[in-house]
Protein backbone atom coordinates (compact mmCIF):
# COMPACT_ATOMS: atom_id res chain seq x y z
CA MET A 1 6.18 -19.70 4.33
CA SER A 2 9.33 -21.93 4.27
CA ARG A 3 8.69 -25.64 3.30
CA SER A 4 10.32 -26.57 6.71
CA VAL A 5 7.24 -24.64 8.50
CA LEU A 6 4.44 -26.73 7.12
CA GLU A 7 6.71 -30.03 7.20
CA GLN A 8 7.08 -29.17 11.01
CA ALA A 9 3.44 -28.43 11.32
CA VAL A 10 2.41 -31.97 10.09
CA VAL A 11 4.99 -33.94 11.99
CA GLY A 12 3.17 -36.89 13.54
CA VAL A 13 -0.11 -36.80 11.46
CA ALA A 14 0.18 -40.08 9.68
CA SER A 15 -3.15 -39.82 8.33
CA LEU A 16 -2.65 -36.42 6.63
CA LYS A 17 -2.35 -36.55 2.54
CA ALA A 18 -2.03 -32.87 2.25
CA ILE A 19 -2.39 -29.47 3.60
CA PHE A 20 -2.64 -26.18 1.64
CA ILE A 21 -3.02 -22.46 2.77
CA THR A 22 -5.33 -20.42 0.55
CA ALA A 23 -4.94 -16.48 0.53
CA MET A 24 -8.22 -14.79 0.68
CA PRO A 25 -10.43 -13.37 -0.68
CA ASP A 26 -8.59 -14.18 -4.07
CA CYS A 27 -8.57 -17.76 -3.34
CA LEU A 28 -5.03 -18.20 -4.54
CA LEU A 29 -2.55 -20.93 -3.26
CA TYR A 30 -0.26 -19.41 -0.50
CA ASP A 31 1.76 -22.65 0.34
CA ALA A 32 1.09 -26.60 0.41
CA TRP A 33 2.50 -29.60 1.41
CA GLN A 34 1.81 -33.35 0.10
CA ARG A 35 2.90 -36.59 1.67
CA GLY A 36 4.71 -38.56 -1.27
CA GLU A 37 3.87 -38.44 -4.97
CA SER A 38 0.60 -37.23 -6.14
CA ASP A 39 -1.08 -36.13 -8.97
CA LEU A 40 -3.20 -33.58 -7.04
CA ASP A 41 -3.08 -29.74 -8.40
CA VAL A 42 -3.21 -28.25 -5.00
CA SER A 43 -3.63 -24.52 -6.70
CA ASP A 44 -6.62 -25.71 -8.25
CA VAL A 45 -7.88 -27.40 -5.02
CA ALA A 46 -7.11 -24.20 -3.09
CA SER A 47 -8.94 -22.02 -5.56
CA TYR A 48 -12.17 -24.32 -5.36
CA PHE A 49 -12.00 -24.79 -1.72
CA GLY A 50 -11.35 -21.22 -0.86
CA ASP A 51 -14.49 -20.40 -2.91
CA LEU A 52 -16.40 -22.98 -0.94
CA VAL A 53 -15.43 -21.41 2.45
CA ARG A 54 -16.28 -17.87 1.21
CA SER A 55 -19.92 -19.37 0.08
CA ASN A 56 -20.10 -21.29 3.46
CA ARG A 57 -19.42 -18.33 5.30
CA GLU A 58 -22.06 -16.19 3.59
CA GLY A 59 -24.61 -18.86 3.76
CA LEU A 60 -24.38 -19.11 7.57
CA LYS A 61 -24.47 -15.39 7.74
CA ALA A 62 -27.72 -15.39 6.21
CA LEU A 63 -28.89 -18.09 8.46
CA GLY A 64 -27.63 -15.99 11.48
CA SER A 65 -25.44 -18.67 12.55
CA TRP A 66 -21.89 -17.77 11.30
CA SER A 67 -19.06 -18.11 13.84
CA SER A 68 -15.33 -17.54 13.44
CA ASP A 69 -14.77 -21.24 14.53
CA MET A 70 -16.47 -22.63 11.55
CA LEU A 71 -15.24 -25.90 9.88
CA VAL A 72 -16.38 -27.35 6.58
CA THR A 73 -16.00 -31.01 6.42
CA ILE A 74 -16.40 -32.92 3.22
CA GLU A 75 -16.39 -36.69 3.21
CA SER A 76 -16.03 -38.83 0.07
CA ALA A 77 -15.24 -42.71 -0.22
CA ASP A 78 -11.46 -42.29 0.29
CA THR A 79 -10.96 -38.90 1.54
CA LEU A 80 -11.99 -36.66 4.35
CA VAL A 81 -11.46 -32.87 3.75
CA VAL A 82 -11.64 -30.24 6.53
CA LEU A 83 -11.40 -26.61 5.72
CA GLN A 84 -10.87 -24.02 8.28
CA GLU A 85 -10.55 -20.10 8.14
CA ILE A 86 -7.33 -19.25 10.10
CA ASN A 87 -7.80 -15.70 10.10
CA GLU A 88 -9.65 -13.15 7.56
CA HIS A 89 -6.73 -13.44 5.15
CA PHE A 90 -5.98 -17.57 4.96
CA VAL A 91 -7.85 -20.62 5.03
CA CYS A 92 -6.20 -23.81 5.84
CA GLY A 93 -7.37 -27.03 3.86
CA SER A 94 -6.37 -30.40 5.07
CA ILE A 95 -6.78 -33.71 3.08
CA PHE A 96 -6.93 -36.88 5.45
CA ASP A 97 -7.54 -40.63 4.88
CA ARG A 98 -11.01 -41.45 5.12
CA ASP A 99 -10.62 -43.90 7.81
CA ALA A 100 -9.01 -41.16 10.21
CA PRO A 101 -11.27 -40.61 13.23
CA LEU A 102 -13.01 -37.31 13.04
CA GLY A 103 -12.00 -36.47 16.60
CA MET A 104 -8.30 -37.00 15.87
CA VAL A 105 -8.54 -35.00 12.79
CA ARG A 106 -9.98 -32.09 14.61
CA LEU A 107 -7.22 -32.48 17.06
CA HIS A 108 -4.38 -32.63 14.64
CA LEU A 109 -5.89 -29.63 12.70
CA LYS A 110 -6.04 -27.36 15.76
CA ARG A 111 -2.32 -28.27 16.55
CA MET A 112 -1.31 -27.56 12.88
CA VAL A 113 -3.19 -24.40 12.58
CA GLU A 114 -1.52 -23.20 15.81
CA ARG A 115 1.90 -23.93 14.30
CA ILE A 116 1.12 -22.50 11.12
CA LEU A 117 -0.62 -19.21 12.29
CA GLU A 118 2.73 -18.20 14.07
CA GLN A 119 4.45 -18.19 10.74
CA LEU A 120 1.68 -16.32 8.43
CA PRO A 121 2.55 -12.72 7.50
CA LYS A 122 0.50 -10.10 8.77
CA ILE A 123 -1.59 -8.72 5.83
CA GLU A 124 -2.86 -5.23 5.38
CA ALA A 125 -5.64 -5.96 2.96
CA GLU A 126 -5.88 -3.56 0.03
CA GLU A 127 -9.56 -2.71 -1.15
CA ARG A 128 -10.03 -3.06 -4.78
CA PRO A 129 -12.51 -1.20 -6.41
CA ARG A 130 -16.00 -2.85 -6.43
CA GLY A 131 -16.19 -2.43 -10.18
CA VAL A 132 -13.12 -4.86 -10.64
CA ARG A 133 -14.31 -7.28 -8.01
CA LEU A 134 -17.68 -7.43 -9.96
CA VAL A 135 -16.20 -8.10 -13.44
CA GLU A 136 -13.80 -10.87 -11.75
CA PHE A 137 -16.57 -12.30 -10.13
CA VAL A 138 -18.54 -12.64 -13.42
CA ARG A 139 -15.38 -14.03 -15.13
CA ARG A 140 -14.96 -16.70 -12.22
CA TYR A 141 -18.72 -17.86 -11.97
CA ALA A 142 -20.41 -17.49 -15.38
CA PRO A 143 -20.66 -20.52 -17.23
CA ASP A 144 -19.40 -18.67 -20.26
CA PRO A 145 -17.37 -15.73 -19.04
CA HIS A 146 -16.88 -14.21 -22.43
CA ALA A 147 -20.43 -14.28 -23.40
CA ALA A 148 -21.44 -13.04 -19.96
CA ILE A 149 -19.11 -9.86 -20.19
CA LEU A 150 -20.53 -9.07 -23.44
CA ARG A 151 -24.07 -9.41 -22.34
CA ILE A 152 -23.19 -6.94 -19.45
CA SER A 153 -21.67 -4.74 -22.04
CA VAL A 154 -24.92 -4.75 -23.98
CA ARG A 155 -27.17 -4.25 -21.06
CA THR A 156 -25.06 -1.33 -19.50
CA GLY A 157 -24.23 0.36 -22.69
CA LEU A 158 -20.27 0.06 -21.52
CA THR A 159 -17.76 -1.20 -23.75
CA THR A 160 -15.82 -4.37 -22.98
CA GLU A 161 -12.62 -1.98 -22.88
CA GLN A 162 -14.41 -0.04 -19.95
CA LEU A 163 -15.37 -3.29 -18.43
CA ASP A 164 -11.58 -4.35 -18.37
CA ALA A 165 -10.76 -0.98 -16.72
CA ALA A 166 -13.77 -1.33 -14.21
CA GLU A 167 -11.57 0.75 -11.63
CA ASN A 168 -12.38 3.74 -13.78
CA LEU A 169 -16.06 3.58 -13.81
CA GLN A 170 -18.58 5.75 -11.85
CA ASP A 171 -20.77 4.46 -9.08
CA ALA A 172 -23.93 4.78 -11.39
CA ASP A 173 -22.08 2.29 -14.21
CA ILE A 174 -20.88 -0.13 -11.13
CA ASP A 175 -24.60 -0.50 -9.96
CA LYS A 176 -25.70 -1.08 -13.74
CA ILE A 177 -22.76 -3.95 -13.82
CA GLU A 178 -24.03 -5.41 -10.72
CA ALA A 179 -27.71 -5.41 -11.59
CA ALA A 180 -26.80 -6.94 -15.13
CA ALA A 181 -24.44 -9.55 -13.47
CA ARG A 182 -27.27 -10.57 -11.14
CA ARG A 183 -29.77 -11.00 -13.81
CA ILE A 184 -27.36 -13.06 -16.08
CA LEU A 185 -26.24 -15.25 -13.35
CA GLY A 186 -29.67 -15.54 -11.74
CA LEU A 187 -28.63 -14.24 -8.26
CA ASN A 188 -30.93 -12.11 -6.03
CA GLN A 189 -27.42 -10.51 -4.57
CA ILE A 190 -23.64 -10.48 -5.09
CA ASN A 191 -21.76 -10.45 -1.95
CA LEU A 192 -18.46 -9.11 -2.57
């Protein structure tokens, strides 16, 4: 997305500090805009908030109350963060001044998302093998990823080299990896 597209999308939104577009499901920064100089690392922010939207979606699905019009709003002492799924491939994160009225923030966000949506590429998602996604999940969420991978290796009987090449594993091995990852991370299920 060209820089001018985001700049045009935020015209007239004085209370906006930053906006970033996160590519899902990998939670990678697609594009960002910040007002003025800032020490904000938008790539880190995009990753964390992409994960937050994914977790929120799965939590709401478990409650039976998920909808595609979901907004995640986070209020801190000086910042108002609003996250919205644009479509299944992108999340828009907006950081506003804390004193911005929530109704105006929602109105601005709706207008910005409409402008941005027109410019986003059409994506054909490539399904990566479940084994690869499981190993990546462990590396992302385990407190000590290296130790967790070694524990999975011991529990499953697979070498770390086999785990690194998880796309080549059989379904039975992938089931073992998932069971071990659930035990190690203390999860009842892993939604990938």
